[in-house]
Amino acid sequence: MSKSSSPIFYNELERSLQSCNSSPPIEEFSKEHSEKLMNLIHENMKEFDHGEKTLSTTYRRIKNLETQYSKKGHILFFIRETLSGEPIACAGVGSFQNLPITEKIGEIRDLVVVERYRNQGLGRKLLYSCLREAQKLGYKRLYIETSRQMTVARTLFTQAGFEAVEELPKKNELSENMPYYYLFQDLQLKKFSLEKKC
């Protein structure tokens, strides 16, 4: 990771932490949330796929969120709409392509925000919560899978310290429908501010 991205990373982290008191609290996934979060992820990912098949892994995974996020080293966060209590945004952390967590290679996954609640900092808030949690879980490198249509999300990822990559760990088959990946290196070297919780 280039040295030049560090100031941007810390500025974005501080901005995210400062917004904690002005938006709904972050909650952790539990069994009773499975169906609503599955629908949230599926409906808000569809607009970005456009037949590229780059998000097929996501669609397969969310068929059983409870199983996915009950595994060691996996966690899903979400935010509810204040009045209705309905989930409006979520993001998770897990091992990359089901590698053993001892490999310490993870991924940020299932990051979605309902369209009318975008541009309010919810995605950024969830992303940084995932980064802090991934650090506590022991991951050293994190990947994010995107598609060409996710231009706003890709900007958020680079602002947070992720960099575009072409080479991936084992267990990945390259194809012409290859999704875009972003990598966060040396996660354990970052000094996250854990005192102020979002």
C-alpha atoms as a PDB file:
ATOM      1  CA  MET A   1       0.000   0.000   0.000  1.00  0.00           C
ATOM      2  CA  SER A   2       1.364   3.381  -0.934  1.00  0.00           C
ATOM      3  CA  LYS A   3       2.429   5.825   1.772  1.00  0.00           C
ATOM      4  CA  SER A   4       0.407   8.602   0.163  1.00  0.00           C
ATOM      5  CA  SER A   5      -2.926   6.937   1.017  1.00  0.00           C
ATOM      6  CA  SER A   6      -2.327   7.032   4.782  1.00  0.00           C
ATOM      7  CA  PRO A   7      -3.405  10.678   5.403  1.00  0.00           C
ATOM      8  CA  ILE A   8      -6.569  10.096   3.388  1.00  0.00           C
ATOM      9  CA  PHE A   9      -7.285   6.974   5.406  1.00  0.00           C
ATOM     10  CA  TYR A  10      -6.967   8.696   8.756  1.00  0.00           C
ATOM     11  CA  ASN A  11      -8.998  11.721   7.615  1.00  0.00           C
ATOM     12  CA  GLU A  12     -11.819   9.456   6.476  1.00  0.00           C
ATOM     13  CA  LEU A  13     -11.679   7.420   9.690  1.00  0.00           C
ATOM     14  CA  GLU A  14     -11.929  10.550  11.810  1.00  0.00           C
ATOM     15  CA  ARG A  15     -14.825  11.841   9.712  1.00  0.00           C
ATOM     16  CA  SER A  16     -16.613   8.531  10.144  1.00  0.00           C
ATOM     17  CA  LEU A  17     -16.135   8.533  13.898  1.00  0.00           C
ATOM     18  CA  GLN A  18     -17.377  12.104  14.177  1.00  0.00           C
ATOM     19  CA  SER A  19     -20.613  11.113  12.446  1.00  0.00           C
ATOM     20  CA  CYS A  20     -21.376   8.345  14.946  1.00  0.00           C
ATOM     21  CA  ASN A  21     -23.656  10.458  17.106  1.00  0.00           C
ATOM     22  CA  SER A  22     -25.697  11.818  14.196  1.00  0.00           C
ATOM     23  CA  SER A  23     -26.950   8.575  12.669  1.00  0.00           C
ATOM     24  CA  PRO A  24     -28.740   5.400  13.857  1.00  0.00           C
ATOM     25  CA  PRO A  25     -26.686   2.872  15.852  1.00  0.00           C
ATOM     26  CA  ILE A  26     -25.029  -0.147  14.293  1.00  0.00           C
ATOM     27  CA  GLU A  27     -26.375  -3.561  15.307  1.00  0.00           C
ATOM     28  CA  GLU A  28     -24.984  -7.075  14.885  1.00  0.00           C
ATOM     29  CA  PHE A  29     -26.758  -9.770  12.884  1.00  0.00           C
ATOM     30  CA  SER A  30     -28.777 -12.426  14.676  1.00  0.00           C
ATOM     31  CA  LYS A  31     -31.072 -15.202  13.467  1.00  0.00           C
ATOM     32  CA  GLU A  32     -34.306 -13.205  13.524  1.00  0.00           C
ATOM     33  CA  HIS A  33     -32.881 -10.702  11.042  1.00  0.00           C
ATOM     34  CA  SER A  34     -32.034 -13.285   8.355  1.00  0.00           C
ATOM     35  CA  GLU A  35     -34.938 -12.847   5.940  1.00  0.00           C
ATOM     36  CA  LYS A  36     -35.053  -9.049   6.007  1.00  0.00           C
ATOM     37  CA  LEU A  37     -31.295  -8.694   5.562  1.00  0.00           C
ATOM     38  CA  MET A  38     -31.234 -11.291   2.798  1.00  0.00           C
ATOM     39  CA  ASN A  39     -33.882  -9.290   0.928  1.00  0.00           C
ATOM     40  CA  LEU A  40     -32.052  -6.026   1.630  1.00  0.00           C
ATOM     41  CA  ILE A  41     -28.805  -7.336   0.148  1.00  0.00           C
ATOM     42  CA  HIS A  42     -30.429  -9.019  -2.841  1.00  0.00           C
ATOM     43  CA  GLU A  43     -32.606  -6.075  -3.857  1.00  0.00           C
ATOM     44  CA  ASN A  44     -29.839  -3.504  -3.558  1.00  0.00           C
ATOM     45  CA  MET A  45     -27.215  -5.592  -5.355  1.00  0.00           C
ATOM     46  CA  LYS A  46     -29.400  -6.264  -8.411  1.00  0.00           C
ATOM     47  CA  GLU A  47     -29.011  -2.734  -9.756  1.00  0.00           C
ATOM     48  CA  PHE A  48     -25.237  -3.169 -10.018  1.00  0.00           C
ATOM     49  CA  ASP A  49     -25.013  -6.554 -11.728  1.00  0.00           C
ATOM     50  CA  HIS A  50     -26.440  -5.877 -15.221  1.00  0.00           C
ATOM     51  CA  GLY A  51     -25.886  -9.423 -16.397  1.00  0.00           C
ATOM     52  CA  GLU A  52     -22.138  -9.458 -15.722  1.00  0.00           C
ATOM     53  CA  LYS A  53     -22.476 -12.366 -13.274  1.00  0.00           C
ATOM     54  CA  THR A  54     -19.817 -10.760 -11.099  1.00  0.00           C
ATOM     55  CA  LEU A  55     -22.054 -10.925  -8.033  1.00  0.00           C
ATOM     56  CA  SER A  56     -23.052 -14.586  -8.290  1.00  0.00           C
ATOM     57  CA  THR A  57     -20.988 -15.386  -5.199  1.00  0.00           C
ATOM     58  CA  THR A  58     -23.003 -12.861  -3.209  1.00  0.00           C
ATOM     59  CA  TYR A  59     -26.317 -14.309  -4.366  1.00  0.00           C
ATOM     60  CA  ARG A  60     -25.253 -17.809  -3.371  1.00  0.00           C
ATOM     61  CA  ARG A  61     -23.984 -16.692   0.024  1.00  0.00           C
ATOM     62  CA  ILE A  62     -27.053 -14.745   1.117  1.00  0.00           C
ATOM     63  CA  LYS A  63     -29.334 -17.742   0.665  1.00  0.00           C
ATOM     64  CA  ASN A  64     -28.275 -18.733   4.174  1.00  0.00           C
ATOM     65  CA  LEU A  65     -27.004 -15.713   6.069  1.00  0.00           C
ATOM     66  CA  GLU A  66     -27.356 -17.426   9.415  1.00  0.00           C
ATOM     67  CA  THR A  67     -24.904 -20.167   8.445  1.00  0.00           C
ATOM     68  CA  GLN A  68     -22.480 -17.717   6.855  1.00  0.00           C
ATOM     69  CA  TYR A  69     -22.347 -15.297   9.753  1.00  0.00           C
ATOM     70  CA  SER A  70     -22.341 -17.861  12.552  1.00  0.00           C
ATOM     71  CA  LYS A  71     -18.883 -19.042  11.450  1.00  0.00           C
ATOM     72  CA  LYS A  72     -15.847 -18.048  13.435  1.00  0.00           C
ATOM     73  CA  GLY A  73     -14.260 -14.912  11.993  1.00  0.00           C
ATOM     74  CA  HIS A  74     -17.486 -13.709  10.357  1.00  0.00           C
ATOM     75  CA  ILE A  75     -19.807 -10.883  11.380  1.00  0.00           C
ATOM     76  CA  LEU A  76     -22.561  -8.813   9.746  1.00  0.00           C
ATOM     77  CA  PHE A  77     -23.510  -5.311  10.875  1.00  0.00           C
ATOM     78  CA  PHE A  78     -26.685  -3.446   9.962  1.00  0.00           C
ATOM     79  CA  ILE A  79     -28.503  -0.161  10.517  1.00  0.00           C
ATOM     80  CA  ARG A  80     -32.258   0.272  10.920  1.00  0.00           C
ATOM     81  CA  GLU A  81     -34.491   3.117   9.806  1.00  0.00           C
ATOM     82  CA  THR A  82     -35.267   5.060  12.976  1.00  0.00           C
ATOM     83  CA  LEU A  83     -39.071   5.147  12.749  1.00  0.00           C
ATOM     84  CA  SER A  84     -39.955   1.862  11.035  1.00  0.00           C
ATOM     85  CA  GLY A  85     -37.162  -0.246  12.478  1.00  0.00           C
ATOM     86  CA  GLU A  86     -36.566  -1.802   9.059  1.00  0.00           C
ATOM     87  CA  PRO A  87     -32.965  -2.548   7.971  1.00  0.00           C
ATOM     88  CA  ILE A  88     -31.706   0.056   5.487  1.00  0.00           C
ATOM     89  CA  ALA A  89     -27.974  -0.718   5.283  1.00  0.00           C
ATOM     90  CA  CYS A  90     -25.559  -3.506   6.127  1.00  0.00           C
ATOM     91  CA  ALA A  91     -21.999  -4.747   5.685  1.00  0.00           C
ATOM     92  CA  GLY A  92     -20.091  -7.824   6.795  1.00  0.00           C
ATOM     93  CA  VAL A  93     -16.660  -9.331   7.300  1.00  0.00           C
ATOM     94  CA  GLY A  94     -15.636 -12.904   6.525  1.00  0.00           C
ATOM     95  CA  SER A  95     -12.819 -15.060   5.242  1.00  0.00           C
ATOM     96  CA  PHE A  96     -11.938 -14.501   1.591  1.00  0.00           C
ATOM     97  CA  GLN A  97     -13.429 -17.206  -0.653  1.00  0.00           C
ATOM     98  CA  ASN A  98     -13.836 -19.510   2.360  1.00  0.00           C
ATOM     99  CA  LEU A  99     -10.126 -19.709   3.054  1.00  0.00           C
ATOM    100  CA  PRO A 100      -9.301 -20.902   6.603  1.00  0.00           C
ATOM    101  CA  ILE A 101      -9.268 -17.926   8.953  1.00  0.00           C
ATOM    102  CA  THR A 102      -5.739 -18.961   9.912  1.00  0.00           C
ATOM    103  CA  GLU A 103      -4.699 -17.563   6.516  1.00  0.00           C
ATOM    104  CA  LYS A 104      -5.699 -14.118   7.886  1.00  0.00           C
ATOM    105  CA  ILE A 105      -7.100 -13.074   4.503  1.00  0.00           C
ATOM    106  CA  GLY A 106     -10.599 -11.641   4.743  1.00  0.00           C
ATOM    107  CA  GLU A 107     -13.116  -9.670   2.774  1.00  0.00           C
ATOM    108  CA  ILE A 108     -15.653  -6.928   3.281  1.00  0.00           C
ATOM    109  CA  ARG A 109     -18.914  -8.266   1.891  1.00  0.00           C
ATOM    110  CA  ASP A 110     -22.611  -7.505   1.536  1.00  0.00           C
ATOM    111  CA  LEU A 111     -22.152  -3.736   1.810  1.00  0.00           C
ATOM    112  CA  VAL A 112     -25.440  -2.180   0.683  1.00  0.00           C
ATOM    113  CA  VAL A 113     -27.493   0.925   1.461  1.00  0.00           C
ATOM    114  CA  VAL A 114     -31.098   1.455   0.353  1.00  0.00           C
ATOM    115  CA  GLU A 115     -31.041   4.086  -2.411  1.00  0.00           C
ATOM    116  CA  ARG A 116     -33.013   6.811  -0.640  1.00  0.00           C
ATOM    117  CA  TYR A 117     -30.683   6.608   2.385  1.00  0.00           C
ATOM    118  CA  ARG A 118     -27.452   6.949   0.413  1.00  0.00           C
ATOM    119  CA  ASN A 119     -25.117   9.951   0.671  1.00  0.00           C
ATOM    120  CA  GLN A 120     -25.719  10.135   4.421  1.00  0.00           C
ATOM    121  CA  GLY A 121     -22.505   8.420   5.508  1.00  0.00           C
ATOM    122  CA  LEU A 122     -24.121   5.081   6.400  1.00  0.00           C
ATOM    123  CA  GLY A 123     -21.938   3.069   4.030  1.00  0.00           C
ATOM    124  CA  ARG A 124     -18.799   4.750   5.352  1.00  0.00           C
ATOM    125  CA  LYS A 125     -19.878   4.138   8.942  1.00  0.00           C
ATOM    126  CA  LEU A 126     -20.465   0.436   8.266  1.00  0.00           C
ATOM    127  CA  LEU A 127     -17.230   0.085   6.321  1.00  0.00           C
ATOM    128  CA  TYR A 128     -15.107   1.459   9.159  1.00  0.00           C
ATOM    129  CA  SER A 129     -16.942  -0.677  11.685  1.00  0.00           C
ATOM    130  CA  CYS A 130     -16.014  -3.674   9.544  1.00  0.00           C
ATOM    131  CA  LEU A 131     -12.381  -2.565   9.337  1.00  0.00           C
ATOM    132  CA  ARG A 132     -12.104  -2.278  13.098  1.00  0.00           C
ATOM    133  CA  GLU A 133     -13.812  -5.639  13.609  1.00  0.00           C
ATOM    134  CA  ALA A 134     -11.616  -7.325  10.998  1.00  0.00           C
ATOM    135  CA  GLN A 135      -8.572  -6.075  12.846  1.00  0.00           C
ATOM    136  CA  LYS A 136      -9.852  -7.526  16.110  1.00  0.00           C
ATOM    137  CA  LEU A 137     -10.574 -10.833  14.350  1.00  0.00           C
ATOM    138  CA  GLY A 138      -6.940 -11.025  13.273  1.00  0.00           C
ATOM    139  CA  TYR A 139      -7.206 -10.451   9.536  1.00  0.00           C
ATOM    140  CA  LYS A 140      -4.092  -8.941   7.960  1.00  0.00           C
ATOM    141  CA  ARG A 141      -5.414  -8.389   4.451  1.00  0.00           C
ATOM    142  CA  LEU A 142      -8.933  -7.560   3.297  1.00  0.00           C
ATOM    143  CA  TYR A 143     -10.491  -7.724  -0.153  1.00  0.00           C
ATOM    144  CA  ILE A 144     -13.654  -6.134  -1.513  1.00  0.00           C
ATOM    145  CA  GLU A 145     -15.397  -7.401  -4.654  1.00  0.00           C
ATOM    146  CA  THR A 146     -17.164  -4.832  -6.816  1.00  0.00           C
ATOM    147  CA  SER A 147     -18.590  -4.448 -10.311  1.00  0.00           C
ATOM    148  CA  ARG A 148     -18.087  -1.739 -12.927  1.00  0.00           C
ATOM    149  CA  GLN A 149     -21.353  -0.059 -11.927  1.00  0.00           C
ATOM    150  CA  MET A 150     -20.260   0.537  -8.307  1.00  0.00           C
ATOM    151  CA  THR A 151     -18.465   3.798  -9.004  1.00  0.00           C
ATOM    152  CA  VAL A 152     -19.458   5.534  -5.759  1.00  0.00           C
ATOM    153  CA  ALA A 153     -18.572   2.482  -3.684  1.00  0.00           C
ATOM    154  CA  ARG A 154     -15.191   2.157  -5.380  1.00  0.00           C
ATOM    155  CA  THR A 155     -14.417   5.763  -4.492  1.00  0.00           C
ATOM    156  CA  LEU A 156     -15.337   5.049  -0.872  1.00  0.00           C
ATOM    157  CA  PHE A 157     -13.046   2.019  -0.822  1.00  0.00           C
ATOM    158  CA  THR A 158     -10.031   3.922  -2.133  1.00  0.00           C
ATOM    159  CA  GLN A 159     -10.651   6.744   0.325  1.00  0.00           C
ATOM    160  CA  ALA A 160     -10.622   4.179   3.122  1.00  0.00           C
ATOM    161  CA  GLY A 161      -7.218   2.830   2.087  1.00  0.00           C
ATOM    162  CA  PHE A 162      -8.082   0.018  -0.339  1.00  0.00           C
ATOM    163  CA  GLU A 163      -6.169  -0.262  -3.610  1.00  0.00           C
ATOM    164  CA  ALA A 164      -7.234  -1.872  -6.888  1.00  0.00           C
ATOM    165  CA  VAL A 165      -5.573  -5.236  -7.508  1.00  0.00           C
ATOM    166  CA  GLU A 166      -5.334  -7.787 -10.290  1.00  0.00           C
ATOM    167  CA  GLU A 167      -3.669 -10.748  -8.612  1.00  0.00           C
ATOM    168  CA  LEU A 168      -5.741 -12.713  -6.108  1.00  0.00           C
ATOM    169  CA  PRO A 169      -5.048 -15.476  -3.572  1.00  0.00           C
ATOM    170  CA  LYS A 170      -5.442 -19.128  -4.521  1.00  0.00           C
ATOM    171  CA  LYS A 171      -8.883 -20.655  -5.093  1.00  0.00           C
ATOM    172  CA  ASN A 172      -9.900 -18.035  -7.625  1.00  0.00           C
ATOM    173  CA  GLU A 173     -10.526 -18.813 -11.279  1.00  0.00           C
ATOM    174  CA  LEU A 174      -9.912 -15.893 -13.599  1.00  0.00           C
ATOM    175  CA  SER A 175     -12.403 -15.235 -16.383  1.00  0.00           C
ATOM    176  CA  GLU A 176     -13.579 -12.510 -18.718  1.00  0.00           C
ATOM    177  CA  ASN A 177     -16.353 -11.785 -16.199  1.00  0.00           C
ATOM    178  CA  MET A 178     -13.810 -11.125 -13.476  1.00  0.00           C
ATOM    179  CA  PRO A 179     -15.132  -8.640 -10.895  1.00  0.00           C
ATOM    180  CA  TYR A 180     -13.080  -5.718  -9.676  1.00  0.00           C
ATOM    181  CA  TYR A 181     -11.204  -6.324  -6.439  1.00  0.00           C
ATOM    182  CA  TYR A 182      -9.731  -3.895  -3.956  1.00  0.00           C
ATOM    183  CA  LEU A 183      -7.168  -4.805  -1.309  1.00  0.00           C
ATOM    184  CA  PHE A 184      -6.405  -3.377   2.113  1.00  0.00           C
ATOM    185  CA  GLN A 185      -2.888  -4.443   3.132  1.00  0.00           C
ATOM    186  CA  ASP A 186      -1.222  -4.569   6.564  1.00  0.00           C
ATOM    187  CA  LEU A 187      -4.479  -4.164   8.472  1.00  0.00           C
ATOM    188  CA  GLN A 188      -2.856  -5.041  11.791  1.00  0.00           C
ATOM    189  CA  LEU A 189      -0.434  -2.119  11.446  1.00  0.00           C
ATOM    190  CA  LYS A 190      -3.230   0.461  11.442  1.00  0.00           C
ATOM    191  CA  LYS A 191      -3.914   2.267  14.696  1.00  0.00           C
ATOM    192  CA  PHE A 192      -7.685   2.344  14.820  1.00  0.00           C
ATOM    193  CA  SER A 193      -9.444   4.458  17.406  1.00  0.00           C
ATOM    194  CA  LEU A 194     -11.442   1.808  19.266  1.00  0.00           C
ATOM    195  CA  GLU A 195     -12.416   3.956  22.227  1.00  0.00           C
ATOM    196  CA  LYS A 196     -15.301   5.707  20.480  1.00  0.00           C
ATOM    197  CA  LYS A 197     -17.834   3.167  19.314  1.00  0.00           C
ATOM    198  CA  CYS A 198     -20.235   3.820  16.441  1.00  0.00           C
END
